């Protein structure tokens, strides 16, 4: 699994003119799944995201987690995180998992995040989404967890 995490002051996902998910202060998490991924990767990454300390304390150091600041998470499926553009001009997406594998793992990731006491909003799987965000910092991380 591959995640792109952006610290945001707000973020939302719109599908067909309707907001389907939105948060205030927290993380926008773009998540991609590959063929070998399973619940171990989903659970590990969810716990990692919940524990990340990306918010500044009173000294300006990134010492505070989502729970410390009452933060939320917006999770958006992003199969293009597994694009391979090394050859030619059109990316290949063969490394991205099929929806039948990816969707349940993304749902598992969200449930594990919520079990950490976090409010979790989502985009719409397999929909054309418009994602709006105000990146705070900016702070952007890439996390990966591969099957062993």
C-alpha atoms as a PDB file:
ATOM      1  CA  UNK A   1       0.000   0.000   0.000  1.00  0.00           C
ATOM      2  CA  UNK A   2       1.104   3.494  -0.739  1.00  0.00           C
ATOM      3  CA  UNK A   3      -0.174   6.624   0.980  1.00  0.00           C
ATOM      4  CA  UNK A   4       0.271  10.302   0.296  1.00  0.00           C
ATOM      5  CA  UNK A   5      -0.588  12.200   3.468  1.00  0.00           C
ATOM      6  CA  UNK A   6      -1.180  15.926   3.434  1.00  0.00           C
ATOM      7  CA  UNK A   7      -1.715  17.966   6.582  1.00  0.00           C
ATOM      8  CA  UNK A   8      -4.709  20.178   5.861  1.00  0.00           C
ATOM      9  CA  UNK A   9      -6.756  22.870   7.519  1.00  0.00           C
ATOM     10  CA  UNK A  10      -9.718  21.587   5.497  1.00  0.00           C
ATOM     11  CA  UNK A  11     -10.453  19.171   2.672  1.00  0.00           C
ATOM     12  CA  UNK A  12     -13.451  17.824   0.790  1.00  0.00           C
ATOM     13  CA  UNK A  13     -14.459  15.462  -2.000  1.00  0.00           C
ATOM     14  CA  UNK A  14     -17.235  16.284  -4.442  1.00  0.00           C
ATOM     15  CA  UNK A  15     -18.902  13.794  -6.809  1.00  0.00           C
ATOM     16  CA  UNK A  16     -21.473  14.942  -9.366  1.00  0.00           C
ATOM     17  CA  UNK A  17     -21.779  18.335  -7.659  1.00  0.00           C
ATOM     18  CA  UNK A  18     -22.414  16.827  -4.197  1.00  0.00           C
ATOM     19  CA  UNK A  19     -19.939  16.846  -1.300  1.00  0.00           C
ATOM     20  CA  UNK A  20     -19.515  13.215  -0.220  1.00  0.00           C
ATOM     21  CA  UNK A  21     -16.814  13.710   2.387  1.00  0.00           C
ATOM     22  CA  UNK A  22     -15.261  16.642   4.181  1.00  0.00           C
ATOM     23  CA  UNK A  23     -13.047  17.408   7.168  1.00  0.00           C
ATOM     24  CA  UNK A  24     -11.605  20.354   9.012  1.00  0.00           C
ATOM     25  CA  UNK A  25      -8.111  20.223  10.463  1.00  0.00           C
ATOM     26  CA  UNK A  26      -6.412  16.893   9.885  1.00  0.00           C
ATOM     27  CA  UNK A  27      -4.983  14.728   7.122  1.00  0.00           C
ATOM     28  CA  UNK A  28      -6.023  14.136   3.549  1.00  0.00           C
ATOM     29  CA  UNK A  29      -4.850  10.592   2.797  1.00  0.00           C
ATOM     30  CA  UNK A  30      -4.614   9.417  -0.807  1.00  0.00           C
ATOM     31  CA  UNK A  31      -4.369   5.625  -0.758  1.00  0.00           C
ATOM     32  CA  UNK A  32      -3.275   3.176  -3.422  1.00  0.00           C
ATOM     33  CA  UNK A  33      -3.375  -0.612  -3.214  1.00  0.00           C
ATOM     34  CA  UNK A  34      -1.265  -3.110  -5.138  1.00  0.00           C
ATOM     35  CA  UNK A  35      -1.830  -6.833  -5.779  1.00  0.00           C
ATOM     36  CA  UNK A  36       0.138  -8.231  -2.825  1.00  0.00           C
ATOM     37  CA  UNK A  37      -1.489  -6.011  -0.188  1.00  0.00           C
ATOM     38  CA  UNK A  38      -3.632  -7.397   2.593  1.00  0.00           C
ATOM     39  CA  UNK A  39      -5.105  -6.554   5.975  1.00  0.00           C
ATOM     40  CA  UNK A  40      -1.651  -6.476   7.604  1.00  0.00           C
ATOM     41  CA  UNK A  41      -0.631  -3.525   5.426  1.00  0.00           C
ATOM     42  CA  UNK A  42      -3.967  -1.752   5.919  1.00  0.00           C
ATOM     43  CA  UNK A  43      -3.895  -2.121   9.701  1.00  0.00           C
ATOM     44  CA  UNK A  44      -0.231  -1.189  10.092  1.00  0.00           C
ATOM     45  CA  UNK A  45      -0.582   1.935   7.960  1.00  0.00           C
ATOM     46  CA  UNK A  46      -3.778   3.025   9.729  1.00  0.00           C
ATOM     47  CA  UNK A  47      -2.090   2.765  13.110  1.00  0.00           C
ATOM     48  CA  UNK A  48       0.942   4.611  11.742  1.00  0.00           C
ATOM     49  CA  UNK A  49      -1.191   7.448  10.372  1.00  0.00           C
ATOM     50  CA  UNK A  50      -3.107   7.740  13.644  1.00  0.00           C
ATOM     51  CA  UNK A  51       0.148   8.054  15.585  1.00  0.00           C
ATOM     52  CA  UNK A  52       2.013  10.421  13.280  1.00  0.00           C
ATOM     53  CA  UNK A  53       2.990  13.653  14.980  1.00  0.00           C
ATOM     54  CA  UNK A  54       2.716  16.244  12.229  1.00  0.00           C
ATOM     55  CA  UNK A  55       1.099  19.103  14.131  1.00  0.00           C
ATOM     56  CA  UNK A  56       3.093  21.803  15.863  1.00  0.00           C
ATOM     57  CA  UNK A  57       3.161  22.260  19.612  1.00  0.00           C
ATOM     58  CA  UNK A  58       3.543  25.590  21.416  1.00  0.00           C
ATOM     59  CA  UNK A  59       7.278  25.563  20.590  1.00  0.00           C
ATOM     60  CA  UNK A  60       6.682  25.086  16.872  1.00  0.00           C
ATOM     61  CA  UNK A  61       7.873  21.462  16.871  1.00  0.00           C
ATOM     62  CA  UNK A  62       5.885  18.708  15.159  1.00  0.00           C
ATOM     63  CA  UNK A  63       5.053  16.845  18.353  1.00  0.00           C
ATOM     64  CA  UNK A  64       1.257  16.550  18.191  1.00  0.00           C
ATOM     65  CA  UNK A  65      -0.855  13.785  16.655  1.00  0.00           C
ATOM     66  CA  UNK A  66      -4.361  13.866  15.227  1.00  0.00           C
ATOM     67  CA  UNK A  67      -5.799  12.880  18.603  1.00  0.00           C
ATOM     68  CA  UNK A  68      -3.848  15.676  20.323  1.00  0.00           C
ATOM     69  CA  UNK A  69      -5.404  18.346  18.084  1.00  0.00           C
ATOM     70  CA  UNK A  70      -8.859  16.807  17.568  1.00  0.00           C
ATOM     71  CA  UNK A  71      -7.963  16.167  13.925  1.00  0.00           C
ATOM     72  CA  UNK A  72      -9.911  14.269  11.296  1.00  0.00           C
ATOM     73  CA  UNK A  73      -8.968  12.152   8.285  1.00  0.00           C
ATOM     74  CA  UNK A  74     -10.306  12.241   4.725  1.00  0.00           C
ATOM     75  CA  UNK A  75      -9.381   9.040   2.862  1.00  0.00           C
ATOM     76  CA  UNK A  76      -9.479   9.059  -0.939  1.00  0.00           C
ATOM     77  CA  UNK A  77      -8.836   5.997  -3.087  1.00  0.00           C
ATOM     78  CA  UNK A  78      -6.127   6.751  -5.661  1.00  0.00           C
ATOM     79  CA  UNK A  79      -5.142   3.822  -7.884  1.00  0.00           C
ATOM     80  CA  UNK A  80      -2.900   6.163  -9.893  1.00  0.00           C
ATOM     81  CA  UNK A  81      -0.391   6.085  -7.022  1.00  0.00           C
ATOM     82  CA  UNK A  82       0.755   2.821  -8.623  1.00  0.00           C
ATOM     83  CA  UNK A  83       1.201   4.297 -12.092  1.00  0.00           C
ATOM     84  CA  UNK A  84       4.391   3.369 -13.929  1.00  0.00           C
ATOM     85  CA  UNK A  85       5.457   6.090 -16.356  1.00  0.00           C
ATOM     86  CA  UNK A  86       9.011   4.927 -17.021  1.00  0.00           C
ATOM     87  CA  UNK A  87       8.245   3.902 -20.608  1.00  0.00           C
ATOM     88  CA  UNK A  88       6.409   5.921 -23.196  1.00  0.00           C
ATOM     89  CA  UNK A  89       4.068   8.775 -22.434  1.00  0.00           C
ATOM     90  CA  UNK A  90       0.990   6.979 -21.158  1.00  0.00           C
ATOM     91  CA  UNK A  91       1.318   5.494 -17.660  1.00  0.00           C
ATOM     92  CA  UNK A  92       0.654   1.834 -17.019  1.00  0.00           C
ATOM     93  CA  UNK A  93      -1.557   0.924 -14.078  1.00  0.00           C
ATOM     94  CA  UNK A  94      -0.896  -2.827 -13.996  1.00  0.00           C
ATOM     95  CA  UNK A  95       0.608  -2.571 -10.486  1.00  0.00           C
ATOM     96  CA  UNK A  96      -2.642  -1.168  -9.091  1.00  0.00           C
ATOM     97  CA  UNK A  97      -4.937  -3.733  -7.507  1.00  0.00           C
ATOM     98  CA  UNK A  98      -8.315  -4.472  -9.068  1.00  0.00           C
ATOM     99  CA  UNK A  99     -11.284  -2.849  -7.293  1.00  0.00           C
ATOM    100  CA  UNK A 100     -12.368  -6.216  -5.862  1.00  0.00           C
ATOM    101  CA  UNK A 101      -9.169  -6.305  -3.783  1.00  0.00           C
ATOM    102  CA  UNK A 102      -8.599  -2.585  -3.260  1.00  0.00           C
ATOM    103  CA  UNK A 103     -12.021  -1.504  -2.000  1.00  0.00           C
ATOM    104  CA  UNK A 104     -12.247  -3.904   0.990  1.00  0.00           C
ATOM    105  CA  UNK A 105      -8.670  -3.051   2.010  1.00  0.00           C
ATOM    106  CA  UNK A 106      -9.372   0.670   1.894  1.00  0.00           C
ATOM    107  CA  UNK A 107     -12.513   0.081   3.961  1.00  0.00           C
ATOM    108  CA  UNK A 108     -10.412  -1.902   6.436  1.00  0.00           C
ATOM    109  CA  UNK A 109      -7.886   0.962   6.593  1.00  0.00           C
ATOM    110  CA  UNK A 110     -10.718   3.400   7.383  1.00  0.00           C
ATOM    111  CA  UNK A 111     -12.216   1.134  10.063  1.00  0.00           C
ATOM    112  CA  UNK A 112      -8.834   0.698  11.728  1.00  0.00           C
ATOM    113  CA  UNK A 113      -8.341   4.471  11.722  1.00  0.00           C
ATOM    114  CA  UNK A 114     -11.784   4.964  13.247  1.00  0.00           C
ATOM    115  CA  UNK A 115     -10.981   2.349  15.902  1.00  0.00           C
ATOM    116  CA  UNK A 116      -8.143   4.657  16.978  1.00  0.00           C
ATOM    117  CA  UNK A 117     -10.819   7.184  17.981  1.00  0.00           C
ATOM    118  CA  UNK A 118     -10.587   9.328  14.847  1.00  0.00           C
ATOM    119  CA  UNK A 119     -13.369  10.777  12.704  1.00  0.00           C
ATOM    120  CA  UNK A 120     -12.888   9.397   9.202  1.00  0.00           C
ATOM    121  CA  UNK A 121     -14.559  10.721   6.043  1.00  0.00           C
ATOM    122  CA  UNK A 122     -14.100   9.176   2.594  1.00  0.00           C
ATOM    123  CA  UNK A 123     -14.370   9.869  -1.069  1.00  0.00           C
ATOM    124  CA  UNK A 124     -16.430   7.638  -3.356  1.00  0.00           C
ATOM    125  CA  UNK A 125     -14.736   4.493  -4.642  1.00  0.00           C
ATOM    126  CA  UNK A 126     -14.626   4.187  -8.460  1.00  0.00           C
ATOM    127  CA  UNK A 127     -16.124   7.660  -8.944  1.00  0.00           C
ATOM    128  CA  UNK A 128     -14.730  10.715 -10.680  1.00  0.00           C
ATOM    129  CA  UNK A 129     -13.933  12.915  -7.682  1.00  0.00           C
ATOM    130  CA  UNK A 130     -12.991  16.522  -7.280  1.00  0.00           C
ATOM    131  CA  UNK A 131     -10.753  16.897  -4.253  1.00  0.00           C
ATOM    132  CA  UNK A 132     -10.323  20.302  -2.654  1.00  0.00           C
ATOM    133  CA  UNK A 133      -7.840  20.980   0.108  1.00  0.00           C
ATOM    134  CA  UNK A 134      -5.963  23.656   1.927  1.00  0.00           C
ATOM    135  CA  UNK A 135      -2.528  22.140   2.528  1.00  0.00           C
ATOM    136  CA  UNK A 136      -1.245  23.371   5.879  1.00  0.00           C
ATOM    137  CA  UNK A 137       2.488  24.037   5.866  1.00  0.00           C
ATOM    138  CA  UNK A 138       2.665  22.504   3.333  1.00  0.00           C
ATOM    139  CA  UNK A 139       3.302  19.167   4.995  1.00  0.00           C
ATOM    140  CA  UNK A 140       3.177  16.129   2.706  1.00  0.00           C
ATOM    141  CA  UNK A 141       4.496  12.607   3.405  1.00  0.00           C
ATOM    142  CA  UNK A 142       4.621   9.375   1.442  1.00  0.00           C
ATOM    143  CA  UNK A 143       4.242   6.142   3.424  1.00  0.00           C
ATOM    144  CA  UNK A 144       4.438   2.612   2.068  1.00  0.00           C
ATOM    145  CA  UNK A 145       4.032  -0.814   3.575  1.00  0.00           C
ATOM    146  CA  UNK A 146       4.744  -3.796   1.358  1.00  0.00           C
ATOM    147  CA  UNK A 147       3.770  -7.395   1.887  1.00  0.00           C
ATOM    148  CA  UNK A 148       6.563  -9.423   3.415  1.00  0.00           C
END
